[in-house]
């Protein structure tokens, strides 16, 4: 493999890794938001029950 081909492959690999990391970060943020909403809902339910 030539130097240019290797460099291009390295760049593609880095881009893929960055995309994967971005997706994982987004998934984690979505999970965190869902947990916060779930927690808020639980608190509201407890208040409704007079707890």
Protein backbone atom coordinates (compact mmCIF):
# COMPACT_ATOMS: atom_id res chain seq x y z
CA UNK A 1 0.00 0.00 0.00
CA UNK A 2 1.37 3.39 -0.92
CA UNK A 3 1.90 6.17 1.56
CA UNK A 4 -1.09 8.10 0.20
CA UNK A 5 -3.36 5.08 0.39
CA UNK A 6 -2.30 4.44 3.97
CA UNK A 7 -2.91 8.05 4.89
CA UNK A 8 -6.36 8.00 3.29
CA UNK A 9 -7.22 4.78 5.12
CA UNK A 10 -6.05 6.28 8.40
CA UNK A 11 -8.25 9.31 7.82
CA UNK A 12 -11.27 7.12 7.06
CA UNK A 13 -10.65 5.08 10.18
CA UNK A 14 -10.38 8.23 12.28
CA UNK A 15 -13.60 9.63 10.81
CA UNK A 16 -15.41 6.37 11.55
CA UNK A 17 -14.12 6.37 15.10
CA UNK A 18 -15.23 9.97 15.54
CA UNK A 19 -18.69 9.15 14.17
CA UNK A 20 -18.99 6.16 16.48
CA UNK A 21 -17.96 8.26 19.48
CA UNK A 22 -20.44 10.98 18.54
CA UNK A 23 -23.22 8.40 18.27
CA UNK A 24 -22.32 6.89 21.63
CA UNK A 25 -22.31 10.34 23.20
CA UNK A 26 -25.72 11.10 21.71
CA UNK A 27 -27.09 7.78 22.91
CA UNK A 28 -25.81 8.49 26.42
CA UNK A 29 -27.34 11.96 26.41
CA UNK A 30 -30.67 10.51 25.30
CA UNK A 31 -30.52 7.91 28.07
CA UNK A 32 -29.68 10.57 30.64
CA UNK A 33 -32.57 12.73 29.48
CA UNK A 34 -34.96 9.77 29.61
CA UNK A 35 -33.82 8.92 33.13
CA UNK A 36 -34.32 12.50 34.26
CA UNK A 37 -37.81 12.55 32.74
CA UNK A 38 -38.56 9.22 34.39
CA UNK A 39 -37.35 10.52 37.72
CA UNK A 40 -39.45 13.65 37.40
CA UNK A 41 -42.48 11.53 36.57
CA UNK A 42 -41.87 9.35 39.60
CA UNK A 43 -41.63 12.41 41.82
CA UNK A 44 -44.89 13.76 40.42
CA UNK A 45 -46.61 10.42 40.98
CA UNK A 46 -45.38 10.34 44.57
CA UNK A 47 -46.66 13.88 45.14
CA UNK A 48 -50.02 12.91 43.72
CA UNK A 49 -50.15 10.04 46.20
CA UNK A 50 -49.33 12.43 49.01
CA UNK A 51 -45.91 10.90 49.68
